[in-house]
């Protein structure tokens, strides 16, 4: 299987409660800026802004 070096693993952190959820992958060549997505937060029980963070290992 070929390795794609443009793909980067990252985490998403809720801007309201601070809970980090769901590791995801982004292509750093196509999206060099930090990722910001509106998603449903299971802790807040509402749709909030999630920002990109480093994946905690």
Protein backbone atom coordinates (compact mmCIF):
# COMPACT_ATOMS: atom_id res chain seq x y z
CA UNK A 1 0.00 0.00 0.00
CA UNK A 2 1.36 3.40 -0.95
CA UNK A 3 2.04 5.93 1.79
CA UNK A 4 0.58 9.40 1.34
CA UNK A 5 2.73 11.97 3.15
CA UNK A 6 0.22 14.79 2.57
CA UNK A 7 -2.31 13.18 4.94
CA UNK A 8 -2.10 14.25 8.58
CA UNK A 9 -3.93 12.83 11.63
CA UNK A 10 -5.42 15.42 13.97
CA UNK A 11 -8.02 15.81 16.69
CA UNK A 12 -11.01 18.11 16.94
CA UNK A 13 -11.62 20.08 20.15
CA UNK A 14 -14.91 21.73 21.15
CA UNK A 15 -14.55 25.49 21.59
CA UNK A 16 -17.31 25.57 24.23
CA UNK A 17 -16.55 22.71 26.67
CA UNK A 18 -12.99 21.82 25.56
CA UNK A 19 -13.65 18.12 25.05
CA UNK A 20 -11.48 16.55 22.36
CA UNK A 21 -13.29 14.11 20.12
CA UNK A 22 -12.89 12.04 17.03
CA UNK A 23 -9.51 11.72 15.38
CA UNK A 24 -9.73 12.75 11.74
CA UNK A 25 -7.47 13.13 8.71
CA UNK A 26 -6.86 16.16 6.53
CA UNK A 27 -4.77 16.76 3.45
CA UNK A 28 -2.23 19.41 4.52
CA UNK A 29 -1.39 20.22 0.89
CA UNK A 30 -4.98 21.23 0.03
CA UNK A 31 -5.85 22.79 3.42
CA UNK A 32 -2.74 24.32 5.03
CA UNK A 33 -4.79 26.43 7.48
CA UNK A 34 -6.20 25.12 10.77
CA UNK A 35 -9.45 23.25 10.38
CA UNK A 36 -12.64 24.72 11.93
CA UNK A 37 -15.87 22.74 11.57
CA UNK A 38 -19.33 23.03 13.10
CA UNK A 39 -20.20 19.63 14.59
CA UNK A 40 -22.50 18.15 17.23
CA UNK A 41 -20.83 17.90 20.65
CA UNK A 42 -22.12 15.01 22.79
CA UNK A 43 -21.10 16.82 26.01
CA UNK A 44 -22.76 20.17 25.18
CA UNK A 45 -25.73 18.52 23.39
CA UNK A 46 -25.62 21.13 20.62
CA UNK A 47 -23.78 22.05 17.45
CA UNK A 48 -20.59 23.98 18.28
CA UNK A 49 -17.39 25.04 16.58
CA UNK A 50 -14.62 22.42 16.65
CA UNK A 51 -11.02 23.51 16.09
CA UNK A 52 -8.01 21.47 15.01
CA UNK A 53 -5.60 20.24 17.68
CA UNK A 54 -2.73 17.80 17.79
CA UNK A 55 -3.83 14.24 18.32
CA UNK A 56 -3.05 13.10 21.86
CA UNK A 57 -1.30 9.72 21.82
